[in-house]
């Protein structure tokens, strides 16, 4: 029996989760100091790619698509989608901060 090939066009997180594309990791400080692997903190930054309907409709979570966020990736689930190895499903409680410009309202 031939297996049908499933085509996935989008990924939509469910529950209290968001889909993040993590930024490239910096291993040097702005002053040029090289950080060894064990000195890195487990907090990463990235951009929100998709928001679950539950998070989107909850006023306690003022997040929007493309927001730059700081995340704790330890509970994140890596997503292998179209050879993009920077995608992670992150529980909302692991989004620890949102970068905002002065004067921006949400």
PDB file of N, CA and C in Angstrom:
ATOM      1  N   UNK A   1       0.836  -1.171   0.000  1.00  0.00           N
ATOM      2  CA  UNK A   1       0.000   0.000   0.000  1.00  0.00           C
ATOM      3  C   UNK A   1       0.887   1.242   0.000  1.00  0.00           C
ATOM      4  N   UNK A   2       0.655   2.146  -0.896  1.00  0.00           N
ATOM      5  CA  UNK A   2       1.448   3.367  -1.006  1.00  0.00           C
ATOM      6  C   UNK A   2       1.045   4.349   0.087  1.00  0.00           C
ATOM      7  N   UNK A   3       2.062   4.975   0.677  1.00  0.00           N
ATOM      8  CA  UNK A   3       1.786   5.967   1.715  1.00  0.00           C
ATOM      9  C   UNK A   3       1.471   7.303   1.063  1.00  0.00           C
ATOM     10  N   UNK A   4       0.438   7.957   1.565  1.00  0.00           N
ATOM     11  CA  UNK A   4       0.101   9.290   1.074  1.00  0.00           C
ATOM     12  C   UNK A   4       1.050  10.289   1.720  1.00  0.00           C
ATOM     13  N   UNK A   5       1.553  11.210   0.930  1.00  0.00           N
ATOM     14  CA  UNK A   5       2.456  12.217   1.446  1.00  0.00           C
ATOM     15  C   UNK A   5       1.637  13.406   1.923  1.00  0.00           C
ATOM     16  N   UNK A   6       1.787  13.754   3.198  1.00  0.00           N
ATOM     17  CA  UNK A   6       1.037  14.859   3.760  1.00  0.00           C
ATOM     18  C   UNK A   6       1.764  16.168   3.479  1.00  0.00           C
ATOM     19  N   UNK A   7       1.035  17.159   3.029  1.00  0.00           N
ATOM     20  CA  UNK A   7       1.598  18.470   2.778  1.00  0.00           C
ATOM     21  C   UNK A   7       1.170  19.401   3.903  1.00  0.00           C
ATOM     22  N   UNK A   8       2.138  19.980   4.578  1.00  0.00           N
ATOM     23  CA  UNK A   8       1.859  20.923   5.654  1.00  0.00           C
ATOM     24  C   UNK A   8       2.189  22.317   5.150  1.00  0.00           C
ATOM     25  N   UNK A   9       1.211  23.212   5.224  1.00  0.00           N
ATOM     26  CA  UNK A   9       1.437  24.569   4.745  1.00  0.00           C
ATOM     27  C   UNK A   9       1.738  25.540   5.875  1.00  0.00           C
ATOM     28  N   UNK A  10       1.120  25.334   7.038  1.00  0.00           N
ATOM     29  CA  UNK A  10       1.356  26.210   8.179  1.00  0.00           C
ATOM     30  C   UNK A  10       1.406  25.389   9.462  1.00  0.00           C
ATOM     31  N   UNK A  11       1.948  25.997  10.483  1.00  0.00           N
ATOM     32  CA  UNK A  11       1.956  25.395  11.809  1.00  0.00           C
ATOM     33  C   UNK A  11       1.210  26.350  12.724  1.00  0.00           C
ATOM     34  N   UNK A  12       0.196  25.852  13.404  1.00  0.00           N
ATOM     35  CA  UNK A  12      -0.558  26.677  14.343  1.00  0.00           C
ATOM     36  C   UNK A  12      -0.470  26.043  15.725  1.00  0.00           C
ATOM     37  N   UNK A  13       0.152  26.746  16.681  1.00  0.00           N
ATOM     38  CA  UNK A  13       0.221  26.191  18.025  1.00  0.00           C
ATOM     39  C   UNK A  13      -1.163  26.139  18.664  1.00  0.00           C
ATOM     40  N   UNK A  14      -1.359  25.210  19.583  1.00  0.00           N
ATOM     41  CA  UNK A  14      -2.627  25.090  20.302  1.00  0.00           C
ATOM     42  C   UNK A  14      -2.350  25.240  21.796  1.00  0.00           C
ATOM     43  N   UNK A  15      -3.410  25.526  22.555  1.00  0.00           N
ATOM     44  CA  UNK A  15      -3.251  25.729  23.990  1.00  0.00           C
ATOM     45  C   UNK A  15      -2.530  27.031  24.263  1.00  0.00           C
ATOM     46  N   UNK A  16      -1.840  27.090  25.361  1.00  0.00           N
ATOM     47  CA  UNK A  16      -1.108  28.299  25.750  1.00  0.00           C
ATOM     48  C   UNK A  16       0.320  28.235  25.219  1.00  0.00           C
ATOM     49  N   UNK A  17       0.439  28.315  23.890  1.00  0.00           N
ATOM     50  CA  UNK A  17       1.742  28.195  23.236  1.00  0.00           C
ATOM     51  C   UNK A  17       1.875  29.195  22.084  1.00  0.00           C
ATOM     52  N   UNK A  18       3.125  29.487  21.752  1.00  0.00           N
ATOM     53  CA  UNK A  18       3.440  30.317  20.594  1.00  0.00           C
ATOM     54  C   UNK A  18       4.529  29.618  19.791  1.00  0.00           C
ATOM     55  N   UNK A  19       4.598  29.943  18.512  1.00  0.00           N
ATOM     56  CA  UNK A  19       5.654  29.434  17.639  1.00  0.00           C
ATOM     57  C   UNK A  19       6.685  30.543  17.482  1.00  0.00           C
ATOM     58  N   UNK A  20       7.934  30.224  17.792  1.00  0.00           N
ATOM     59  CA  UNK A  20       9.024  31.197  17.783  1.00  0.00           C
ATOM     60  C   UNK A  20      10.075  30.779  16.762  1.00  0.00           C
ATOM     61  N   UNK A  21      10.625  31.757  16.040  1.00  0.00           N
ATOM     62  CA  UNK A  21      11.832  31.515  15.236  1.00  0.00           C
ATOM     63  C   UNK A  21      12.960  32.193  15.998  1.00  0.00           C
ATOM     64  N   UNK A  22      13.863  31.379  16.530  1.00  0.00           N
ATOM     65  CA  UNK A  22      14.913  31.948  17.373  1.00  0.00           C
ATOM     66  C   UNK A  22      15.926  32.718  16.540  1.00  0.00           C
ATOM     67  N   UNK A  23      16.482  33.751  17.172  1.00  0.00           N
ATOM     68  CA  UNK A  23      17.536  34.542  16.548  1.00  0.00           C
ATOM     69  C   UNK A  23      18.827  33.733  16.542  1.00  0.00           C
ATOM     70  N   UNK A  24      19.761  34.149  15.701  1.00  0.00           N
ATOM     71  CA  UNK A  24      21.076  33.512  15.710  1.00  0.00           C
ATOM     72  C   UNK A  24      21.736  33.770  17.053  1.00  0.00           C
ATOM     73  N   UNK A  25      22.389  32.751  17.583  1.00  0.00           N
ATOM     74  CA  UNK A  25      23.051  32.885  18.877  1.00  0.00           C
ATOM     75  C   UNK A  25      24.315  33.713  18.733  1.00  0.00           C
ATOM     76  N   UNK A  26      24.509  34.608  19.706  1.00  0.00           N
ATOM     77  CA  UNK A  26      25.745  35.386  19.766  1.00  0.00           C
ATOM     78  C   UNK A  26      26.671  34.714  20.756  1.00  0.00           C
ATOM     79  N   UNK A  27      27.860  34.445  20.359  1.00  0.00           N
ATOM     80  CA  UNK A  27      28.826  33.824  21.270  1.00  0.00           C
ATOM     81  C   UNK A  27      29.885  34.818  21.709  1.00  0.00           C
ATOM     82  N   UNK A  28      29.779  36.053  21.244  1.00  0.00           N
ATOM     83  CA  UNK A  28      30.691  37.093  21.700  1.00  0.00           C
ATOM     84  C   UNK A  28      29.871  38.266  22.217  1.00  0.00           C
ATOM     85  N   UNK A  29      30.422  38.952  23.205  1.00  0.00           N
ATOM     86  CA  UNK A  29      29.749  40.130  23.735  1.00  0.00           C
ATOM     87  C   UNK A  29      30.004  41.306  22.803  1.00  0.00           C
ATOM     88  N   UNK A  30      29.327  42.406  23.056  1.00  0.00           N
ATOM     89  CA  UNK A  30      29.557  43.597  22.226  1.00  0.00           C
ATOM     90  C   UNK A  30      30.986  44.098  22.350  1.00  0.00           C
ATOM     91  N   UNK A  31      31.611  43.823  23.488  1.00  0.00           N
ATOM     92  CA  UNK A  31      32.999  44.227  23.693  1.00  0.00           C
ATOM     93  C   UNK A  31      34.002  43.280  23.058  1.00  0.00           C
ATOM     94  N   UNK A  32      33.513  42.205  22.422  1.00  0.00           N
ATOM     95  CA  UNK A  32      34.381  41.277  21.725  1.00  0.00           C
ATOM     96  C   UNK A  32      34.852  40.097  22.550  1.00  0.00           C
ATOM     97  N   UNK A  33      34.285  39.918  23.741  1.00  0.00           N
ATOM     98  CA  UNK A  33      34.687  38.794  24.589  1.00  0.00           C
ATOM     99  C   UNK A  33      33.975  37.534  24.119  1.00  0.00           C
ATOM    100  N   UNK A  34      34.737  36.490  23.848  1.00  0.00           N
ATOM    101  CA  UNK A  34      34.179  35.213  23.408  1.00  0.00           C
ATOM    102  C   UNK A  34      33.648  34.454  24.616  1.00  0.00           C
ATOM    103  N   UNK A  35      32.375  34.045  24.557  1.00  0.00           N
ATOM    104  CA  UNK A  35      31.760  33.305  25.655  1.00  0.00           C
ATOM    105  C   UNK A  35      31.887  31.811  25.406  1.00  0.00           C
ATOM    106  N   UNK A  36      32.412  31.056  26.378  1.00  0.00           N
ATOM    107  CA  UNK A  36      32.443  29.600  26.225  1.00  0.00           C
ATOM    108  C   UNK A  36      31.036  29.037  26.341  1.00  0.00           C
ATOM    109  N   UNK A  37      30.834  27.817  25.845  1.00  0.00           N
ATOM    110  CA  UNK A  37      29.508  27.206  25.850  1.00  0.00           C
ATOM    111  C   UNK A  37      28.891  27.135  27.236  1.00  0.00           C
ATOM    112  N   UNK A  38      29.683  26.846  28.271  1.00  0.00           N
ATOM    113  CA  UNK A  38      29.100  26.710  29.603  1.00  0.00           C
ATOM    114  C   UNK A  38      28.759  28.048  30.246  1.00  0.00           C
ATOM    115  N   UNK A  39      29.146  29.161  29.641  1.00  0.00           N
ATOM    116  CA  UNK A  39      28.828  30.476  30.188  1.00  0.00           C
ATOM    117  C   UNK A  39      27.533  31.036  29.612  1.00  0.00           C
ATOM    118  N   UNK A  40      26.996  30.384  28.620  1.00  0.00           N
ATOM    119  CA  UNK A  40      25.768  30.877  27.999  1.00  0.00           C
ATOM    120  C   UNK A  40      24.587  30.638  28.918  1.00  0.00           C
ATOM    121  N   UNK A  41      23.713  31.614  28.999  1.00  0.00           N
ATOM    122  CA  UNK A  41      22.489  31.436  29.769  1.00  0.00           C
ATOM    123  C   UNK A  41      21.454  30.767  28.881  1.00  0.00           C
ATOM    124  N   UNK A  42      20.468  30.086  29.475  1.00  0.00           N
ATOM    125  CA  UNK A  42      19.489  29.373  28.658  1.00  0.00           C
ATOM    126  C   UNK A  42      18.400  30.267  28.085  1.00  0.00           C
ATOM    127  N   UNK A  43      18.564  31.581  28.145  1.00  0.00           N
ATOM    128  CA  UNK A  43      17.543  32.480  27.612  1.00  0.00           C
ATOM    129  C   UNK A  43      17.951  32.901  26.206  1.00  0.00           C
ATOM    130  N   UNK A  44      17.010  32.802  25.276  1.00  0.00           N
ATOM    131  CA  UNK A  44      17.251  33.162  23.883  1.00  0.00           C
ATOM    132  C   UNK A  44      16.243  34.207  23.444  1.00  0.00           C
ATOM    133  N   UNK A  45      16.555  34.888  22.366  1.00  0.00           N
ATOM    134  CA  UNK A  45      15.581  35.807  21.782  1.00  0.00           C
ATOM    135  C   UNK A  45      15.116  35.250  20.444  1.00  0.00           C
ATOM    136  N   UNK A  46      13.950  35.708  20.041  1.00  0.00           N
ATOM    137  CA  UNK A  46      13.391  35.272  18.773  1.00  0.00           C
ATOM    138  C   UNK A  46      12.172  36.092  18.413  1.00  0.00           C
ATOM    139  N   UNK A  47      11.563  35.754  17.300  1.00  0.00           N
ATOM    140  CA  UNK A  47      10.351  36.435  16.825  1.00  0.00           C
ATOM    141  C   UNK A  47       9.192  35.465  16.851  1.00  0.00           C
ATOM    142  N   UNK A  48       8.035  35.983  17.235  1.00  0.00           N
ATOM    143  CA  UNK A  48       6.826  35.165  17.219  1.00  0.00           C
ATOM    144  C   UNK A  48       6.389  34.979  15.772  1.00  0.00           C
ATOM    145  N   UNK A  49       6.210  33.742  15.373  1.00  0.00           N
ATOM    146  CA  UNK A  49       5.771  33.405  14.020  1.00  0.00           C
ATOM    147  C   UNK A  49       4.271  33.136  14.000  1.00  0.00           C
ATOM    148  N   UNK A  50       3.764  32.499  15.055  1.00  0.00           N
ATOM    149  CA  UNK A  50       2.333  32.184  15.146  1.00  0.00           C
ATOM    150  C   UNK A  50       1.935  32.129  16.615  1.00  0.00           C
ATOM    151  N   UNK A  51       0.678  32.480  16.874  1.00  0.00           N
ATOM    152  CA  UNK A  51       0.130  32.499  18.225  1.00  0.00           C
ATOM    153  C   UNK A  51      -1.102  31.611  18.246  1.00  0.00           C
ATOM    154  N   UNK A  52      -1.248  30.803  19.286  1.00  0.00           N
ATOM    155  CA  UNK A  52      -2.449  29.971  19.386  1.00  0.00           C
ATOM    156  C   UNK A  52      -3.672  30.862  19.574  1.00  0.00           C
ATOM    157  N   UNK A  53      -4.830  30.358  19.195  1.00  0.00           N
ATOM    158  CA  UNK A  53      -6.077  31.117  19.339  1.00  0.00           C
ATOM    159  C   UNK A  53      -6.343  31.450  20.800  1.00  0.00           C
ATOM    160  N   UNK A  54      -5.992  30.547  21.693  1.00  0.00           N
ATOM    161  CA  UNK A  54      -6.220  30.774  23.120  1.00  0.00           C
ATOM    162  C   UNK A  54      -5.375  31.939  23.641  1.00  0.00           C
ATOM    163  N   UNK A  55      -4.128  32.025  23.243  1.00  0.00           N
ATOM    164  CA  UNK A  55      -3.265  33.132  23.660  1.00  0.00           C
ATOM    165  C   UNK A  55      -3.714  34.423  22.988  1.00  0.00           C
ATOM    166  N   UNK A  56      -4.058  34.341  21.714  1.00  0.00           N
ATOM    167  CA  UNK A  56      -4.456  35.522  20.951  1.00  0.00           C
ATOM    168  C   UNK A  56      -5.694  36.193  21.534  1.00  0.00           C
ATOM    169  N   UNK A  57      -6.616  35.416  22.072  1.00  0.00           N
ATOM    170  CA  UNK A  57      -7.861  35.981  22.592  1.00  0.00           C
ATOM    171  C   UNK A  57      -7.785  36.351  24.073  1.00  0.00           C
ATOM    172  N   UNK A  58      -6.662  36.107  24.724  1.00  0.00           N
ATOM    173  CA  UNK A  58      -6.527  36.382  26.154  1.00  0.00           C
ATOM    174  C   UNK A  58      -5.821  37.723  26.368  1.00  0.00           C
ATOM    175  N   UNK A  59      -6.497  38.708  26.986  1.00  0.00           N
ATOM    176  CA  UNK A  59      -5.877  40.024  27.191  1.00  0.00           C
ATOM    177  C   UNK A  59      -4.694  40.001  28.160  1.00  0.00           C
ATOM    178  N   UNK A  60      -4.520  38.911  28.902  1.00  0.00           N
ATOM    179  CA  UNK A  60      -3.371  38.803  29.805  1.00  0.00           C
ATOM    180  C   UNK A  60      -2.064  38.581  29.051  1.00  0.00           C
ATOM    181  N   UNK A  61      -2.150  38.228  27.767  1.00  0.00           N
ATOM    182  CA  UNK A  61      -0.963  37.980  26.953  1.00  0.00           C
ATOM    183  C   UNK A  61      -0.942  38.959  25.783  1.00  0.00           C
ATOM    184  N   UNK A  62      -0.326  40.136  25.963  1.00  0.00           N
ATOM    185  CA  UNK A  62      -0.317  41.158  24.906  1.00  0.00           C
ATOM    186  C   UNK A  62       0.747  40.879  23.842  1.00  0.00           C
ATOM    187  N   UNK A  63       0.632  39.741  23.197  1.00  0.00           N
ATOM    188  CA  UNK A  63       1.608  39.342  22.188  1.00  0.00           C
ATOM    189  C   UNK A  63       0.989  39.412  20.808  1.00  0.00           C
ATOM    190  N   UNK A  64       1.831  39.751  19.836  1.00  0.00           N
ATOM    191  CA  UNK A  64       1.397  39.787  18.445  1.00  0.00           C
ATOM    192  C   UNK A  64       2.434  39.076  17.589  1.00  0.00           C
ATOM    193  N   UNK A  65       1.980  38.658  16.427  1.00  0.00           N
ATOM    194  CA  UNK A  65       2.886  38.052  15.459  1.00  0.00           C
ATOM    195  C   UNK A  65       4.005  39.050  15.152  1.00  0.00           C
ATOM    196  N   UNK A  66       5.210  38.557  15.040  1.00  0.00           N
ATOM    197  CA  UNK A  66       6.437  39.296  14.739  1.00  0.00           C
ATOM    198  C   UNK A  66       7.019  40.051  15.929  1.00  0.00           C
ATOM    199  N   UNK A  67       6.389  39.973  17.115  1.00  0.00           N
ATOM    200  CA  UNK A  67       7.007  40.569  18.300  1.00  0.00           C
ATOM    201  C   UNK A  67       8.335  39.879  18.571  1.00  0.00           C
ATOM    202  N   UNK A  68       9.331  40.676  18.981  1.00  0.00           N
ATOM    203  CA  UNK A  68      10.603  40.097  19.412  1.00  0.00           C
ATOM    204  C   UNK A  68      10.470  39.800  20.898  1.00  0.00           C
ATOM    205  N   UNK A  69      10.803  38.569  21.282  1.00  0.00           N
ATOM    206  CA  UNK A  69      10.619  38.132  22.663  1.00  0.00           C
ATOM    207  C   UNK A  69      11.879  37.466  23.200  1.00  0.00           C
ATOM    208  N   UNK A  70      11.959  37.429  24.512  1.00  0.00           N
ATOM    209  CA  UNK A  70      12.993  36.698  25.223  1.00  0.00           C
ATOM    210  C   UNK A  70      12.338  35.436  25.754  1.00  0.00           C
ATOM    211  N   UNK A  71      12.954  34.281  25.508  1.00  0.00           N
ATOM    212  CA  UNK A  71      12.332  33.011  25.891  1.00  0.00           C
ATOM    213  C   UNK A  71      13.299  32.143  26.686  1.00  0.00           C
ATOM    214  N   UNK A  72      12.730  31.302  27.528  1.00  0.00           N
ATOM    215  CA  UNK A  72      13.480  30.243  28.194  1.00  0.00           C
ATOM    216  C   UNK A  72      13.224  28.985  27.363  1.00  0.00           C
ATOM    217  N   UNK A  73      14.212  28.501  26.612  1.00  0.00           N
ATOM    218  CA  UNK A  73      13.978  27.424  25.641  1.00  0.00           C
ATOM    219  C   UNK A  73      13.959  26.014  26.212  1.00  0.00           C
ATOM    220  N   UNK A  74      14.135  25.855  27.515  1.00  0.00           N
ATOM    221  CA  UNK A  74      14.264  24.497  28.065  1.00  0.00           C
ATOM    222  C   UNK A  74      13.024  23.641  27.854  1.00  0.00           C
ATOM    223  N   UNK A  75      11.835  24.240  27.833  1.00  0.00           N
ATOM    224  CA  UNK A  75      10.605  23.476  27.616  1.00  0.00           C
ATOM    225  C   UNK A  75      10.109  23.578  26.178  1.00  0.00           C
ATOM    226  N   UNK A  76      10.887  24.229  25.316  1.00  0.00           N
ATOM    227  CA  UNK A  76      10.493  24.385  23.924  1.00  0.00           C
ATOM    228  C   UNK A  76      10.597  23.082  23.153  1.00  0.00           C
ATOM    229  N   UNK A  77       9.737  22.951  22.177  1.00  0.00           N
ATOM    230  CA  UNK A  77       9.737  21.767  21.319  1.00  0.00           C
ATOM    231  C   UNK A  77      10.261  22.185  19.949  1.00  0.00           C
ATOM    232  N   UNK A  78      11.413  21.657  19.514  1.00  0.00           N
ATOM    233  CA  UNK A  78      11.915  22.003  18.187  1.00  0.00           C
ATOM    234  C   UNK A  78      10.979  21.484  17.104  1.00  0.00           C
ATOM    235  N   UNK A  79      10.800  22.291  16.075  1.00  0.00           N
ATOM    236  CA  UNK A  79       9.901  21.939  14.976  1.00  0.00           C
ATOM    237  C   UNK A  79      10.724  21.822  13.706  1.00  0.00           C
ATOM    238  N   UNK A  80      10.690  20.664  13.076  1.00  0.00           N
ATOM    239  CA  UNK A  80      11.379  20.457  11.806  1.00  0.00           C
ATOM    240  C   UNK A  80      10.371  20.721  10.699  1.00  0.00           C
ATOM    241  N   UNK A  81      10.396  21.918  10.152  1.00  0.00           N
ATOM    242  CA  UNK A  81       9.415  22.341   9.159  1.00  0.00           C
ATOM    243  C   UNK A  81      10.143  23.006   8.009  1.00  0.00           C
ATOM    244  N   UNK A  82      10.058  22.424   6.843  1.00  0.00           N
ATOM    245  CA  UNK A  82      10.683  22.958   5.635  1.00  0.00           C
ATOM    246  C   UNK A  82      12.159  23.283   5.862  1.00  0.00           C
ATOM    247  N   UNK A  83      12.846  22.397   6.547  1.00  0.00           N
ATOM    248  CA  UNK A  83      14.281  22.499   6.805  1.00  0.00           C
ATOM    249  C   UNK A  83      14.657  23.768   7.563  1.00  0.00           C
ATOM    250  N   UNK A  84      13.710  24.335   8.328  1.00  0.00           N
ATOM    251  CA  UNK A  84      13.977  25.504   9.165  1.00  0.00           C
ATOM    252  C   UNK A  84      14.223  24.995  10.579  1.00  0.00           C
ATOM    253  N   UNK A  85      15.480  24.955  10.994  1.00  0.00           N
ATOM    254  CA  UNK A  85      15.798  24.386  12.300  1.00  0.00           C
ATOM    255  C   UNK A  85      15.800  25.427  13.413  1.00  0.00           C
ATOM    256  N   UNK A  86      15.188  26.572  13.179  1.00  0.00           N
ATOM    257  CA  UNK A  86      15.138  27.615  14.200  1.00  0.00           C
ATOM    258  C   UNK A  86      13.740  27.795  14.776  1.00  0.00           C
ATOM    259  N   UNK A  87      12.811  26.915  14.433  1.00  0.00           N
ATOM    260  CA  UNK A  87      11.440  27.034  14.920  1.00  0.00           C
ATOM    261  C   UNK A  87      11.245  26.214  16.189  1.00  0.00           C
ATOM    262  N   UNK A  88      10.539  26.820  17.155  1.00  0.00           N
ATOM    263  CA  UNK A  88      10.243  26.153  18.418  1.00  0.00           C
ATOM    264  C   UNK A  88       8.825  26.483  18.855  1.00  0.00           C
ATOM    265  N   UNK A  89       8.106  25.480  19.343  1.00  0.00           N
ATOM    266  CA  UNK A  89       6.835  25.707  20.027  1.00  0.00           C
ATOM    267  C   UNK A  89       7.199  25.951  21.490  1.00  0.00           C
ATOM    268  N   UNK A  90       6.781  27.102  22.011  1.00  0.00           N
ATOM    269  CA  UNK A  90       7.149  27.511  23.360  1.00  0.00           C
ATOM    270  C   UNK A  90       5.895  27.698  24.208  1.00  0.00           C
ATOM    271  N   UNK A  91       5.840  27.105  25.402  1.00  0.00           N
ATOM    272  CA  UNK A  91       4.730  27.399  26.309  1.00  0.00           C
ATOM    273  C   UNK A  91       4.752  28.884  26.676  1.00  0.00           C
ATOM    274  N   UNK A  92       3.592  29.477  26.787  1.00  0.00           N
ATOM    275  CA  UNK A  92       3.506  30.918  27.022  1.00  0.00           C
ATOM    276  C   UNK A  92       4.234  31.332  28.301  1.00  0.00           C
ATOM    277  N   UNK A  93       4.265  30.464  29.315  1.00  0.00           N
ATOM    278  CA  UNK A  93       4.952  30.829  30.552  1.00  0.00           C
ATOM    279  C   UNK A  93       6.463  30.918  30.369  1.00  0.00           C
ATOM    280  N   UNK A  94       6.996  30.411  29.249  1.00  0.00           N
ATOM    281  CA  UNK A  94       8.422  30.510  28.972  1.00  0.00           C
ATOM    282  C   UNK A  94       8.783  31.727  28.130  1.00  0.00           C
ATOM    283  N   UNK A  95       7.794  32.541  27.772  1.00  0.00           N
ATOM    284  CA  UNK A  95       8.066  33.845  27.160  1.00  0.00           C
ATOM    285  C   UNK A  95       8.260  34.791  28.334  1.00  0.00           C
ATOM    286  N   UNK A  96       9.496  35.229  28.550  1.00  0.00           N
ATOM    287  CA  UNK A  96       9.807  35.982  29.761  1.00  0.00           C
ATOM    288  C   UNK A  96       9.798  37.492  29.563  1.00  0.00           C
ATOM    289  N   UNK A  97       9.870  37.966  28.320  1.00  0.00           N
ATOM    290  CA  UNK A  97       9.843  39.409  28.062  1.00  0.00           C
ATOM    291  C   UNK A  97       9.518  39.661  26.598  1.00  0.00           C
ATOM    292  N   UNK A  98       8.973  40.851  26.344  1.00  0.00           N
ATOM    293  CA  UNK A  98       8.691  41.308  24.983  1.00  0.00           C
ATOM    294  C   UNK A  98       9.458  42.604  24.781  1.00  0.00           C
ATOM    295  N   UNK A  99      10.167  42.724  23.668  1.00  0.00           N
ATOM    296  CA  UNK A  99      10.876  43.956  23.350  1.00  0.00           C
ATOM    297  C   UNK A  99       9.871  44.946  22.772  1.00  0.00           C
ATOM    298  N   UNK A 100       9.811  46.147  23.342  1.00  0.00           N
ATOM    299  CA  UNK A 100       8.906  47.188  22.865  1.00  0.00           C
ATOM    300  C   UNK A 100       9.695  48.475  22.658  1.00  0.00           C
ATOM    301  N   UNK A 101       9.282  49.244  21.676  1.00  0.00           N
ATOM    302  CA  UNK A 101       9.848  50.575  21.486  1.00  0.00           C
ATOM    303  C   UNK A 101       9.125  51.528  22.424  1.00  0.00           C
ATOM    304  N   UNK A 102       9.806  52.577  22.852  1.00  0.00           N
ATOM    305  CA  UNK A 102       9.163  53.574  23.705  1.00  0.00           C
ATOM    306  C   UNK A 102       7.952  54.153  23.002  1.00  0.00           C
ATOM    307  N   UNK A 103       6.846  54.251  23.733  1.00  0.00           N
ATOM    308  CA  UNK A 103       5.629  54.832  23.176  1.00  0.00           C
ATOM    309  C   UNK A 103       4.748  53.862  22.439  1.00  0.00           C
ATOM    310  N   UNK A 104       5.174  52.600  22.264  1.00  0.00           N
ATOM    311  CA  UNK A 104       4.314  51.639  21.566  1.00  0.00           C
ATOM    312  C   UNK A 104       3.246  51.151  22.520  1.00  0.00           C
ATOM    313  N   UNK A 105       2.050  50.962  22.001  1.00  0.00           N
ATOM    314  CA  UNK A 105       0.933  50.523  22.824  1.00  0.00           C
ATOM    315  C   UNK A 105       0.440  49.176  22.344  1.00  0.00           C
ATOM    316  N   UNK A 106       0.070  48.332  23.300  1.00  0.00           N
ATOM    317  CA  UNK A 106      -0.534  47.031  22.985  1.00  0.00           C
ATOM    318  C   UNK A 106      -1.666  46.775  23.898  1.00  0.00           C
TER     319      UNK A 106
END
